[in-house]
Amino acid sequence: MLHYEPKNLSVLEVHKLLLGGVAPRPIALVSTISKDGINNLSPFSFFNAFGANPPVVAFSPSRRGKDATLKDTYNNLIAVKECVIQAVTHSMVEQVSLASAEYAPDVDEFIKSGLTPIDSDIVKPKRVKESPFQMECKLLEMKSFGEGGTSANLAVCEVVKFHVAEELFTNGIIDPLKIDLVARMSGDFYTRAGSGVFVVEKPIGKKCIGYDQIPQHIKESEIYSANDLGKFGNSEAIPDKEEVNRFVQKILKEIPEGFTYTYDAFLKYQELNDYKLMLQSALRIPENKKVNLELTAKCALKNNDSDFAWKVALFAVNY
């Protein structure tokens, strides 16, 4: 590990560490309006949601790094105390980046970026038509933390109206693949959230056994990763020996009579992510049985079938 104290680094060095290590960051595309009625549009990646009752979001229109001056978004918020915060999707990310360029206060970034302004229902600033998720907001508080370059200004806002495209929903939640959000990384790097989506089952409301209750032979296996062990620990109970034996006998009965399983077939099923056929193969292949069974359990965990994984992992202790 490298060790740093901010007091021993330049502001630029501290900034680079934050951008690289606190990531990926959601992007707030913030539209404001000046007291003279000039539209402003700018993205901010120091942004998140912090509560739902009332709905509160916050972002940082920090001071400019080069001269510590205040940004137009900050000045407009102080003057008008309203904004609209839009989600940034992959289909609009280049235009959003264009809106981040430094323009004079009398320049409308909607025009410069080519994004389309539409009227809001409650607040004065315009919404961005291209974004499928928009929040009309009122400023609750602006907190400032320093007067030097890149010093934080924390704009805490209450959402007074949501606008969400109907087609984003699947089973009542916003589908990450449909909204296709992007997020900021370090330097010029972004990430496309939808392409990296995976499931982590929440332990909320469950009486999880925890890592400490996982049998030692599973914890000592060279096959399971730390994430695999975390999934085992997220279970509420460990199957007993009878359950394991019934499960294995059922699988054995499902194997077609006279069918020959080979190690090559096992590898093929592993590549196809088919842990059920992996298990049928592993039970019939005499060599490396313990490793093959543990690889099967690992594949089941990857597919969030923890009950299947437990029974296979416990059966593997016999070899």
C-alpha atoms as a PDB file:
ATOM      1  CA  MET A   1       0.000   0.000   0.000  1.00  0.00           C
ATOM      2  CA  LEU A   2       1.009   3.581  -0.646  1.00  0.00           C
ATOM      3  CA  HIS A   3       0.125   5.993   2.167  1.00  0.00           C
ATOM      4  CA  TYR A   4      -0.736   9.674   1.769  1.00  0.00           C
ATOM      5  CA  GLU A   5      -1.799  12.538   4.005  1.00  0.00           C
ATOM      6  CA  PRO A   6      -3.590  15.288   2.071  1.00  0.00           C
ATOM      7  CA  LYS A   7      -1.502  17.963   3.783  1.00  0.00           C
ATOM      8  CA  ASN A   8       1.600  16.550   2.075  1.00  0.00           C
ATOM      9  CA  LEU A   9       0.068  16.508  -1.426  1.00  0.00           C
ATOM     10  CA  SER A  10      -0.832  19.177  -3.938  1.00  0.00           C
ATOM     11  CA  VAL A  11      -4.527  19.889  -4.505  1.00  0.00           C
ATOM     12  CA  LEU A  12      -4.230  18.318  -7.966  1.00  0.00           C
ATOM     13  CA  GLU A  13      -2.788  15.112  -6.497  1.00  0.00           C
ATOM     14  CA  VAL A  14      -5.575  14.887  -3.900  1.00  0.00           C
ATOM     15  CA  HIS A  15      -8.162  15.517  -6.613  1.00  0.00           C
ATOM     16  CA  LYS A  16      -6.759  12.725  -8.809  1.00  0.00           C
ATOM     17  CA  LEU A  17      -6.828  10.255  -5.910  1.00  0.00           C
ATOM     18  CA  LEU A  18     -10.471  11.045  -5.170  1.00  0.00           C
ATOM     19  CA  LEU A  19     -11.513  10.761  -8.809  1.00  0.00           C
ATOM     20  CA  GLY A  20      -9.774   7.421  -9.190  1.00  0.00           C
ATOM     21  CA  GLY A  21     -10.736   5.804  -5.891  1.00  0.00           C
ATOM     22  CA  VAL A  22     -14.263   7.151  -5.357  1.00  0.00           C
ATOM     23  CA  ALA A  23     -15.773   5.706  -8.512  1.00  0.00           C
ATOM     24  CA  PRO A  24     -17.819   5.000 -10.494  1.00  0.00           C
ATOM     25  CA  ARG A  25     -19.772   8.150  -9.681  1.00  0.00           C
ATOM     26  CA  PRO A  26     -23.309   8.897 -10.909  1.00  0.00           C
ATOM     27  CA  ILE A  27     -23.581  12.048 -12.984  1.00  0.00           C
ATOM     28  CA  ALA A  28     -26.021  14.840 -12.205  1.00  0.00           C
ATOM     29  CA  LEU A  29     -26.824  16.869 -15.310  1.00  0.00           C
ATOM     30  CA  VAL A  30     -27.984  20.048 -13.614  1.00  0.00           C
ATOM     31  CA  SER A  31     -30.030  22.726 -15.320  1.00  0.00           C
ATOM     32  CA  THR A  32     -30.412  26.099 -13.640  1.00  0.00           C
ATOM     33  CA  ILE A  33     -31.534  29.553 -14.697  1.00  0.00           C
ATOM     34  CA  SER A  34     -30.032  32.946 -13.879  1.00  0.00           C
ATOM     35  CA  LYS A  35     -31.996  35.787 -12.345  1.00  0.00           C
ATOM     36  CA  ASP A  36     -31.956  37.323 -15.868  1.00  0.00           C
ATOM     37  CA  GLY A  37     -33.547  34.206 -17.374  1.00  0.00           C
ATOM     38  CA  ILE A  38     -30.464  32.668 -19.028  1.00  0.00           C
ATOM     39  CA  ASN A  39     -30.441  28.859 -19.082  1.00  0.00           C
ATOM     40  CA  ASN A  40     -27.427  26.974 -17.761  1.00  0.00           C
ATOM     41  CA  LEU A  41     -26.630  23.287 -18.066  1.00  0.00           C
ATOM     42  CA  SER A  42     -23.657  21.480 -16.506  1.00  0.00           C
ATOM     43  CA  PRO A  43     -22.752  17.945 -15.354  1.00  0.00           C
ATOM     44  CA  PHE A  44     -21.439  17.137 -11.856  1.00  0.00           C
ATOM     45  CA  SER A  45     -20.132  13.752 -10.750  1.00  0.00           C
ATOM     46  CA  PHE A  46     -19.821  14.529  -7.040  1.00  0.00           C
ATOM     47  CA  PHE A  47     -23.498  13.616  -6.666  1.00  0.00           C
ATOM     48  CA  ASN A  48     -25.850  11.176  -4.930  1.00  0.00           C
ATOM     49  CA  ALA A  49     -29.202  10.640  -3.169  1.00  0.00           C
ATOM     50  CA  PHE A  50     -29.369  10.778   0.622  1.00  0.00           C
ATOM     51  CA  GLY A  51     -32.947  10.135   1.726  1.00  0.00           C
ATOM     52  CA  ALA A  52     -36.497   9.508   0.548  1.00  0.00           C
ATOM     53  CA  ASN A  53     -38.675  11.206   3.177  1.00  0.00           C
ATOM     54  CA  PRO A  54     -38.404  13.895   1.965  1.00  0.00           C
ATOM     55  CA  PRO A  55     -36.460  12.934  -1.188  1.00  0.00           C
ATOM     56  CA  VAL A  56     -33.077  14.649  -0.824  1.00  0.00           C
ATOM     57  CA  VAL A  57     -30.228  14.709  -3.332  1.00  0.00           C
ATOM     58  CA  ALA A  58     -26.960  16.624  -3.219  1.00  0.00           C
ATOM     59  CA  PHE A  59     -24.187  17.548  -5.611  1.00  0.00           C
ATOM     60  CA  SER A  60     -21.107  19.742  -5.484  1.00  0.00           C
ATOM     61  CA  PRO A  61     -20.753  22.767  -7.778  1.00  0.00           C
ATOM     62  CA  SER A  62     -17.214  23.152  -6.439  1.00  0.00           C
ATOM     63  CA  ARG A  63     -14.986  26.145  -7.105  1.00  0.00           C
ATOM     64  CA  ARG A  64     -12.977  26.102 -10.311  1.00  0.00           C
ATOM     65  CA  GLY A  65      -9.545  24.573  -9.890  1.00  0.00           C
ATOM     66  CA  LYS A  66      -7.629  27.130 -11.929  1.00  0.00           C
ATOM     67  CA  ASP A  67      -8.753  30.325 -10.166  1.00  0.00           C
ATOM     68  CA  ALA A  68     -11.166  29.320  -7.356  1.00  0.00           C
ATOM     69  CA  THR A  69     -14.024  31.249  -8.945  1.00  0.00           C
ATOM     70  CA  LEU A  70     -17.628  30.155  -8.455  1.00  0.00           C
ATOM     71  CA  LYS A  71     -19.430  28.336 -11.255  1.00  0.00           C
ATOM     72  CA  ASP A  72     -22.595  29.585 -12.932  1.00  0.00           C
ATOM     73  CA  THR A  73     -24.582  26.689 -11.451  1.00  0.00           C
ATOM     74  CA  TYR A  74     -23.641  27.830  -7.948  1.00  0.00           C
ATOM     75  CA  ASN A  75     -24.496  31.473  -8.640  1.00  0.00           C
ATOM     76  CA  ASN A  76     -27.835  30.569 -10.243  1.00  0.00           C
ATOM     77  CA  LEU A  77     -28.788  28.291  -7.352  1.00  0.00           C
ATOM     78  CA  ILE A  78     -28.028  30.990  -4.812  1.00  0.00           C
ATOM     79  CA  ALA A  79     -30.090  33.501  -6.791  1.00  0.00           C
ATOM     80  CA  VAL A  80     -33.092  31.363  -7.845  1.00  0.00           C
ATOM     81  CA  LYS A  81     -32.849  28.391  -5.426  1.00  0.00           C
ATOM     82  CA  GLU A  82     -34.178  25.911  -7.982  1.00  0.00           C
ATOM     83  CA  CYS A  83     -32.722  23.371 -10.409  1.00  0.00           C
ATOM     84  CA  VAL A  84     -33.520  20.237 -12.382  1.00  0.00           C
ATOM     85  CA  ILE A  85     -31.242  17.214 -12.045  1.00  0.00           C
ATOM     86  CA  GLN A  86     -31.190  14.755 -14.939  1.00  0.00           C
ATOM     87  CA  ALA A  87     -29.732  11.250 -15.215  1.00  0.00           C
ATOM     88  CA  VAL A  88     -27.096  10.800 -17.924  1.00  0.00           C
ATOM     89  CA  THR A  89     -27.518   7.870 -20.308  1.00  0.00           C
ATOM     90  CA  HIS A  90     -25.075   6.415 -22.813  1.00  0.00           C
ATOM     91  CA  SER A  91     -27.026   7.849 -25.758  1.00  0.00           C
ATOM     92  CA  MET A  92     -26.396  11.438 -24.600  1.00  0.00           C
ATOM     93  CA  VAL A  93     -22.993  11.261 -22.870  1.00  0.00           C
ATOM     94  CA  GLU A  94     -21.013  13.086 -25.581  1.00  0.00           C
ATOM     95  CA  GLN A  95     -23.476  15.991 -25.581  1.00  0.00           C
ATOM     96  CA  VAL A  96     -23.337  16.105 -21.797  1.00  0.00           C
ATOM     97  CA  SER A  97     -19.548  16.260 -21.949  1.00  0.00           C
ATOM     98  CA  LEU A  98     -19.866  19.204 -24.338  1.00  0.00           C
ATOM     99  CA  ALA A  99     -22.056  20.989 -21.791  1.00  0.00           C
ATOM    100  CA  SER A 100     -19.179  20.793 -19.282  1.00  0.00           C
ATOM    101  CA  ALA A 101     -16.993  23.140 -21.350  1.00  0.00           C
ATOM    102  CA  GLU A 102     -16.310  26.571 -19.856  1.00  0.00           C
ATOM    103  CA  TYR A 103     -18.712  29.090 -21.382  1.00  0.00           C
ATOM    104  CA  ALA A 104     -19.425  32.668 -20.360  1.00  0.00           C
ATOM    105  CA  PRO A 105     -22.397  33.201 -17.994  1.00  0.00           C
ATOM    106  CA  ASP A 106     -24.526  34.618 -20.826  1.00  0.00           C
ATOM    107  CA  VAL A 107     -24.140  31.474 -22.969  1.00  0.00           C
ATOM    108  CA  ASP A 108     -26.954  28.894 -23.000  1.00  0.00           C
ATOM    109  CA  GLU A 109     -25.403  25.396 -22.752  1.00  0.00           C
ATOM    110  CA  PHE A 110     -28.596  23.863 -24.136  1.00  0.00           C
ATOM    111  CA  ILE A 111     -27.710  25.516 -27.443  1.00  0.00           C
ATOM    112  CA  LYS A 112     -24.008  24.595 -27.227  1.00  0.00           C
ATOM    113  CA  SER A 113     -24.682  20.938 -26.386  1.00  0.00           C
ATOM    114  CA  GLY A 114     -27.648  20.466 -28.699  1.00  0.00           C
ATOM    115  CA  LEU A 115     -29.761  19.104 -25.859  1.00  0.00           C
ATOM    116  CA  THR A 116     -33.427  20.054 -25.861  1.00  0.00           C
ATOM    117  CA  PRO A 117     -34.947  22.311 -23.162  1.00  0.00           C
ATOM    118  CA  ILE A 118     -38.532  21.612 -22.105  1.00  0.00           C
ATOM    119  CA  ASP A 119     -40.628  23.380 -19.478  1.00  0.00           C
ATOM    120  CA  SER A 120     -40.719  22.114 -15.918  1.00  0.00           C
ATOM    121  CA  ASP A 121     -44.011  21.856 -14.007  1.00  0.00           C
ATOM    122  CA  ILE A 122     -42.988  23.410 -10.670  1.00  0.00           C
ATOM    123  CA  VAL A 123     -39.555  25.048 -10.932  1.00  0.00           C
ATOM    124  CA  LYS A 124     -38.230  27.683 -13.346  1.00  0.00           C
ATOM    125  CA  PRO A 125     -35.193  25.867 -14.830  1.00  0.00           C
ATOM    126  CA  LYS A 126     -35.783  23.776 -17.945  1.00  0.00           C
ATOM    127  CA  ARG A 127     -35.705  19.979 -18.119  1.00  0.00           C
ATOM    128  CA  VAL A 128     -33.576  18.039 -20.606  1.00  0.00           C
ATOM    129  CA  LYS A 129     -35.868  16.190 -23.012  1.00  0.00           C
ATOM    130  CA  GLU A 130     -33.240  13.553 -23.900  1.00  0.00           C
ATOM    131  CA  SER A 131     -32.884  12.286 -20.314  1.00  0.00           C
ATOM    132  CA  PRO A 132     -35.418   9.604 -19.306  1.00  0.00           C
ATOM    133  CA  PHE A 133     -35.110  10.470 -15.596  1.00  0.00           C
ATOM    134  CA  GLN A 134     -35.546  14.070 -14.397  1.00  0.00           C
ATOM    135  CA  MET A 135     -35.967  15.579 -10.925  1.00  0.00           C
ATOM    136  CA  GLU A 136     -37.336  19.059 -10.340  1.00  0.00           C
ATOM    137  CA  CYS A 137     -35.641  20.349  -7.186  1.00  0.00           C
ATOM    138  CA  LYS A 138     -35.630  23.211  -4.721  1.00  0.00           C
ATOM    139  CA  LEU A 139     -32.434  24.188  -2.891  1.00  0.00           C
ATOM    140  CA  LEU A 140     -32.609  23.391   0.823  1.00  0.00           C
ATOM    141  CA  GLU A 141     -29.107  24.486   1.756  1.00  0.00           C
ATOM    142  CA  MET A 142     -25.748  25.372   0.240  1.00  0.00           C
ATOM    143  CA  LYS A 143     -22.768  24.410   2.387  1.00  0.00           C
ATOM    144  CA  SER A 144     -19.323  25.744   1.483  1.00  0.00           C
ATOM    145  CA  PHE A 145     -16.034  24.187   2.585  1.00  0.00           C
ATOM    146  CA  GLY A 146     -13.194  26.527   1.705  1.00  0.00           C
ATOM    147  CA  GLU A 147     -12.395  29.270  -0.758  1.00  0.00           C
ATOM    148  CA  GLY A 148      -9.468  27.716  -2.639  1.00  0.00           C
ATOM    149  CA  GLY A 149      -9.468  26.010  -6.021  1.00  0.00           C
ATOM    150  CA  THR A 150     -11.667  22.838  -6.156  1.00  0.00           C
ATOM    151  CA  SER A 151     -13.116  23.614  -2.703  1.00  0.00           C
ATOM    152  CA  ALA A 152     -16.483  21.934  -2.200  1.00  0.00           C
ATOM    153  CA  ASN A 153     -19.868  23.630  -2.273  1.00  0.00           C
ATOM    154  CA  LEU A 154     -22.531  21.130  -1.287  1.00  0.00           C
ATOM    155  CA  ALA A 155     -25.924  21.878  -2.816  1.00  0.00           C
ATOM    156  CA  VAL A 156     -28.557  19.977  -0.819  1.00  0.00           C
ATOM    157  CA  CYS A 157     -31.844  19.816  -2.724  1.00  0.00           C
ATOM    158  CA  GLU A 158     -35.336  18.455  -2.202  1.00  0.00           C
ATOM    159  CA  VAL A 159     -36.998  16.717  -5.127  1.00  0.00           C
ATOM    160  CA  VAL A 160     -40.445  18.203  -5.680  1.00  0.00           C
ATOM    161  CA  LYS A 161     -41.342  16.262  -8.839  1.00  0.00           C
ATOM    162  CA  PHE A 162     -39.995  13.211 -10.694  1.00  0.00           C
ATOM    163  CA  HIS A 163     -40.339  12.661 -14.437  1.00  0.00           C
ATOM    164  CA  VAL A 164     -39.550   9.070 -15.467  1.00  0.00           C
ATOM    165  CA  ALA A 165     -39.965   7.413 -18.877  1.00  0.00           C
ATOM    166  CA  GLU A 166     -42.553   4.644 -18.548  1.00  0.00           C
ATOM    167  CA  GLU A 167     -40.535   2.184 -20.650  1.00  0.00           C
ATOM    168  CA  LEU A 168     -37.722   2.111 -18.054  1.00  0.00           C
ATOM    169  CA  PHE A 169     -39.688  -0.071 -15.639  1.00  0.00           C
ATOM    170  CA  THR A 170     -39.527  -3.853 -15.272  1.00  0.00           C
ATOM    171  CA  ASN A 171     -41.622  -5.395 -12.473  1.00  0.00           C
ATOM    172  CA  GLY A 172     -42.030  -2.029 -10.795  1.00  0.00           C
ATOM    173  CA  ILE A 173     -38.349  -1.026 -10.641  1.00  0.00           C
ATOM    174  CA  ILE A 174     -36.178   0.991 -12.994  1.00  0.00           C
ATOM    175  CA  ASP A 175     -34.347  -1.606 -15.070  1.00  0.00           C
ATOM    176  CA  PRO A 176     -30.601  -0.835 -15.183  1.00  0.00           C
ATOM    177  CA  LEU A 177     -30.318  -2.291 -18.690  1.00  0.00           C
ATOM    178  CA  LYS A 178     -33.141  -0.112 -19.979  1.00  0.00           C
ATOM    179  CA  ILE A 179     -31.983   3.173 -18.437  1.00  0.00           C
ATOM    180  CA  ASP A 180     -28.374   2.516 -19.591  1.00  0.00           C
ATOM    181  CA  LEU A 181     -26.717   5.019 -17.236  1.00  0.00           C
ATOM    182  CA  VAL A 182     -23.096   6.098 -17.479  1.00  0.00           C
ATOM    183  CA  ALA A 183     -20.819   7.032 -14.590  1.00  0.00           C
ATOM    184  CA  ARG A 184     -17.540   8.914 -14.179  1.00  0.00           C
ATOM    185  CA  MET A 185     -14.204   7.344 -13.435  1.00  0.00           C
ATOM    186  CA  SER A 186     -10.762   9.001 -13.316  1.00  0.00           C
ATOM    187  CA  GLY A 187      -9.344  11.181 -16.092  1.00  0.00           C
ATOM    188  CA  ASP A 188     -11.366  10.872 -19.295  1.00  0.00           C
ATOM    189  CA  PHE A 189     -12.749   7.455 -18.335  1.00  0.00           C
ATOM    190  CA  TYR A 190     -16.439   6.628 -18.024  1.00  0.00           C
ATOM    191  CA  THR A 191     -18.240   3.360 -17.422  1.00  0.00           C
ATOM    192  CA  ARG A 192     -21.499   2.126 -18.910  1.00  0.00           C
ATOM    193  CA  ALA A 193     -23.440   0.827 -15.934  1.00  0.00           C
ATOM    194  CA  GLY A 194     -25.786  -1.525 -17.803  1.00  0.00           C
ATOM    195  CA  SER A 195     -23.008  -3.632 -19.285  1.00  0.00           C
ATOM    196  CA  GLY A 196     -21.606  -4.405 -15.835  1.00  0.00           C
ATOM    197  CA  VAL A 197     -24.824  -5.190 -13.967  1.00  0.00           C
ATOM    198  CA  PHE A 198     -24.819  -8.147 -11.577  1.00  0.00           C
ATOM    199  CA  VAL A 199     -26.939  -9.261  -8.624  1.00  0.00           C
ATOM    200  CA  VAL A 200     -25.943  -9.209  -4.947  1.00  0.00           C
ATOM    201  CA  GLU A 201     -28.713 -10.604  -2.744  1.00  0.00           C
ATOM    202  CA  LYS A 202     -29.356  -8.263   0.176  1.00  0.00           C
ATOM    203  CA  PRO A 203     -29.228  -9.787   3.689  1.00  0.00           C
ATOM    204  CA  ILE A 204     -31.891  -7.357   4.947  1.00  0.00           C
ATOM    205  CA  GLY A 205     -34.615  -9.186   6.891  1.00  0.00           C
ATOM    206  CA  LYS A 206     -32.647 -12.457   6.908  1.00  0.00           C
ATOM    207  CA  LYS A 207     -30.956 -14.223   9.803  1.00  0.00           C
ATOM    208  CA  CYS A 208     -27.753 -14.974   7.912  1.00  0.00           C
ATOM    209  CA  ILE A 209     -25.414 -17.623   9.277  1.00  0.00           C
ATOM    210  CA  GLY A 210     -22.383 -15.404   8.586  1.00  0.00           C
ATOM    211  CA  TYR A 211     -18.849 -16.219   7.486  1.00  0.00           C
ATOM    212  CA  ASP A 212     -17.898 -17.725  10.854  1.00  0.00           C
ATOM    213  CA  GLN A 213     -20.442 -20.563  10.491  1.00  0.00           C
ATOM    214  CA  ILE A 214     -19.152 -21.774   7.129  1.00  0.00           C
ATOM    215  CA  PRO A 215     -17.486 -25.203   7.498  1.00  0.00           C
ATOM    216  CA  GLN A 216     -13.712 -25.000   7.560  1.00  0.00           C
ATOM    217  CA  HIS A 217     -13.215 -27.291   4.550  1.00  0.00           C
ATOM    218  CA  ILE A 218     -15.200 -24.848   2.424  1.00  0.00           C
ATOM    219  CA  LYS A 219     -13.278 -21.835   3.737  1.00  0.00           C
ATOM    220  CA  GLU A 220      -9.970 -23.599   3.054  1.00  0.00           C
ATOM    221  CA  SER A 221     -10.853 -24.598  -0.504  1.00  0.00           C
ATOM    222  CA  GLU A 222      -8.703 -23.089  -3.248  1.00  0.00           C
ATOM    223  CA  ILE A 223     -11.710 -22.972  -5.571  1.00  0.00           C
ATOM    224  CA  TYR A 224     -13.975 -20.538  -3.735  1.00  0.00           C
ATOM    225  CA  SER A 225     -13.287 -16.793  -3.811  1.00  0.00           C
ATOM    226  CA  ALA A 226     -13.982 -14.344  -0.997  1.00  0.00           C
ATOM    227  CA  ASN A 227     -17.191 -13.350  -2.808  1.00  0.00           C
ATOM    228  CA  ASP A 228     -18.228 -17.023  -2.975  1.00  0.00           C
ATOM    229  CA  LEU A 229     -17.752 -17.359   0.777  1.00  0.00           C
ATOM    230  CA  GLY A 230     -19.760 -14.178   1.271  1.00  0.00           C
ATOM    231  CA  LYS A 231     -22.643 -15.773  -0.646  1.00  0.00           C
ATOM    232  CA  PHE A 232     -22.425 -18.908   1.498  1.00  0.00           C
ATOM    233  CA  GLY A 233     -22.529 -16.730   4.610  1.00  0.00           C
ATOM    234  CA  ASN A 234     -25.601 -14.896   3.290  1.00  0.00           C
ATOM    235  CA  SER A 235     -27.677 -18.089   3.714  1.00  0.00           C
ATOM    236  CA  GLU A 236     -30.049 -18.616   6.618  1.00  0.00           C
ATOM    237  CA  ALA A 237     -29.249 -22.294   7.184  1.00  0.00           C
ATOM    238  CA  ILE A 238     -26.838 -25.048   6.198  1.00  0.00           C
ATOM    239  CA  PRO A 239     -28.419 -28.183   4.682  1.00  0.00           C
ATOM    240  CA  ASP A 240     -28.037 -31.272   6.853  1.00  0.00           C
ATOM    241  CA  LYS A 241     -26.515 -34.592   5.690  1.00  0.00           C
ATOM    242  CA  GLU A 242     -29.909 -36.111   4.876  1.00  0.00           C
ATOM    243  CA  GLU A 243     -30.884 -33.197   2.651  1.00  0.00           C
ATOM    244  CA  VAL A 244     -27.558 -33.437   0.843  1.00  0.00           C
ATOM    245  CA  ASN A 245     -27.894 -37.186   0.270  1.00  0.00           C
ATOM    246  CA  ARG A 246     -31.485 -36.888  -1.005  1.00  0.00           C
ATOM    247  CA  PHE A 247     -30.399 -34.138  -3.348  1.00  0.00           C
ATOM    248  CA  VAL A 248     -27.484 -36.170  -4.773  1.00  0.00           C
ATOM    249  CA  GLN A 249     -29.638 -39.294  -5.212  1.00  0.00           C
ATOM    250  CA  LYS A 250     -32.225 -37.254  -7.101  1.00  0.00           C
ATOM    251  CA  ILE A 251     -29.528 -35.900  -9.443  1.00  0.00           C
ATOM    252  CA  LEU A 252     -28.157 -39.402 -10.025  1.00  0.00           C
ATOM    253  CA  LYS A 253     -31.623 -40.688 -10.987  1.00  0.00           C
ATOM    254  CA  GLU A 254     -31.930 -37.889 -13.541  1.00  0.00           C
ATOM    255  CA  ILE A 255     -28.773 -39.001 -15.383  1.00  0.00           C
ATOM    256  CA  PRO A 256     -29.793 -40.777 -18.634  1.00  0.00           C
ATOM    257  CA  GLU A 257     -29.111 -44.530 -18.591  1.00  0.00           C
ATOM    258  CA  GLY A 258     -25.929 -45.500 -20.436  1.00  0.00           C
ATOM    259  CA  PHE A 259     -24.885 -41.893 -21.067  1.00  0.00           C
ATOM    260  CA  THR A 260     -21.132 -41.322 -20.900  1.00  0.00           C
ATOM    261  CA  TYR A 261     -19.811 -38.137 -19.326  1.00  0.00           C
ATOM    262  CA  THR A 262     -16.297 -36.916 -20.050  1.00  0.00           C
ATOM    263  CA  TYR A 263     -14.118 -34.211 -18.603  1.00  0.00           C
ATOM    264  CA  ASP A 264     -14.349 -32.344 -21.915  1.00  0.00           C
ATOM    265  CA  ALA A 265     -18.132 -32.365 -21.545  1.00  0.00           C
ATOM    266  CA  PHE A 266     -17.781 -31.012 -17.999  1.00  0.00           C
ATOM    267  CA  LEU A 267     -15.635 -28.124 -19.298  1.00  0.00           C
ATOM    268  CA  LYS A 268     -18.183 -27.431 -22.019  1.00  0.00           C
ATOM    269  CA  TYR A 269     -21.017 -27.238 -19.484  1.00  0.00           C
ATOM    270  CA  GLN A 270     -18.871 -24.958 -17.326  1.00  0.00           C
ATOM    271  CA  GLU A 271     -18.351 -22.663 -20.304  1.00  0.00           C
ATOM    272  CA  LEU A 272     -22.111 -22.684 -20.910  1.00  0.00           C
ATOM    273  CA  ASN A 273     -22.685 -21.775 -17.252  1.00  0.00           C
ATOM    274  CA  ASP A 274     -24.906 -24.872 -16.823  1.00  0.00           C
ATOM    275  CA  TYR A 275     -24.161 -25.987 -13.269  1.00  0.00           C
ATOM    276  CA  LYS A 276     -26.832 -28.705 -13.282  1.00  0.00           C
ATOM    277  CA  LEU A 277     -25.205 -30.573 -16.171  1.00  0.00           C
ATOM    278  CA  MET A 278     -21.830 -29.854 -14.566  1.00  0.00           C
ATOM    279  CA  LEU A 279     -23.011 -31.748 -11.498  1.00  0.00           C
ATOM    280  CA  GLN A 280     -24.263 -34.716 -13.518  1.00  0.00           C
ATOM    281  CA  SER A 281     -20.864 -34.879 -15.211  1.00  0.00           C
ATOM    282  CA  ALA A 282     -18.899 -34.409 -11.979  1.00  0.00           C
ATOM    283  CA  LEU A 283     -20.749 -37.298 -10.333  1.00  0.00           C
ATOM    284  CA  ARG A 284     -19.831 -39.649 -13.206  1.00  0.00           C
ATOM    285  CA  ILE A 285     -16.215 -38.592 -13.785  1.00  0.00           C
ATOM    286  CA  PRO A 286     -13.874 -40.461 -11.409  1.00  0.00           C
ATOM    287  CA  GLU A 287     -10.859 -38.135 -11.641  1.00  0.00           C
ATOM    288  CA  ASN A 288     -10.637 -34.765  -9.815  1.00  0.00           C
ATOM    289  CA  LYS A 289     -14.096 -35.328  -8.354  1.00  0.00           C
ATOM    290  CA  LYS A 290     -13.676 -32.957  -5.385  1.00  0.00           C
ATOM    291  CA  VAL A 291     -12.390 -30.111  -7.569  1.00  0.00           C
ATOM    292  CA  ASN A 292     -15.118 -30.674 -10.159  1.00  0.00           C
ATOM    293  CA  LEU A 293     -17.809 -30.657  -7.486  1.00  0.00           C
ATOM    294  CA  GLU A 294     -16.442 -27.431  -5.995  1.00  0.00           C
ATOM    295  CA  LEU A 295     -16.308 -25.837  -9.458  1.00  0.00           C
ATOM    296  CA  THR A 296     -19.944 -26.857  -9.862  1.00  0.00           C
ATOM    297  CA  ALA A 297     -20.881 -25.261  -6.531  1.00  0.00           C
ATOM    298  CA  LYS A 298     -18.995 -22.121  -7.555  1.00  0.00           C
ATOM    299  CA  CYS A 299     -20.976 -21.960 -10.803  1.00  0.00           C
ATOM    300  CA  ALA A 300     -24.242 -22.350  -8.873  1.00  0.00           C
ATOM    301  CA  LEU A 301     -23.216 -19.454  -6.628  1.00  0.00           C
ATOM    302  CA  LYS A 302     -22.485 -17.366  -9.716  1.00  0.00           C
ATOM    303  CA  ASN A 303     -26.087 -18.006 -10.726  1.00  0.00           C
ATOM    304  CA  ASN A 304     -27.352 -17.143  -7.226  1.00  0.00           C
ATOM    305  CA  ASP A 305     -28.554 -20.704  -6.536  1.00  0.00           C
ATOM    306  CA  SER A 306     -27.109 -20.900  -3.024  1.00  0.00           C
ATOM    307  CA  ASP A 307     -29.142 -23.944  -1.938  1.00  0.00           C
ATOM    308  CA  PHE A 308     -27.796 -25.989  -4.855  1.00  0.00           C
ATOM    309  CA  ALA A 309     -24.268 -24.706  -4.157  1.00  0.00           C
ATOM    310  CA  TRP A 310     -24.428 -25.643  -0.473  1.00  0.00           C
ATOM    311  CA  LYS A 311     -25.506 -29.220  -1.158  1.00  0.00           C
ATOM    312  CA  VAL A 312     -22.802 -29.762  -3.767  1.00  0.00           C
ATOM    313  CA  ALA A 313     -20.105 -28.128  -1.606  1.00  0.00           C
ATOM    314  CA  LEU A 314     -21.045 -30.271   1.399  1.00  0.00           C
ATOM    315  CA  PHE A 315     -21.130 -33.445  -0.710  1.00  0.00           C
ATOM    316  CA  ALA A 316     -17.655 -32.623  -2.041  1.00  0.00           C
ATOM    317  CA  VAL A 317     -16.160 -33.212   1.441  1.00  0.00           C
ATOM    318  CA  ASN A 318     -16.555 -36.948   0.778  1.00  0.00           C
ATOM    319  CA  TYR A 319     -13.731 -36.844  -1.796  1.00  0.00           C
END
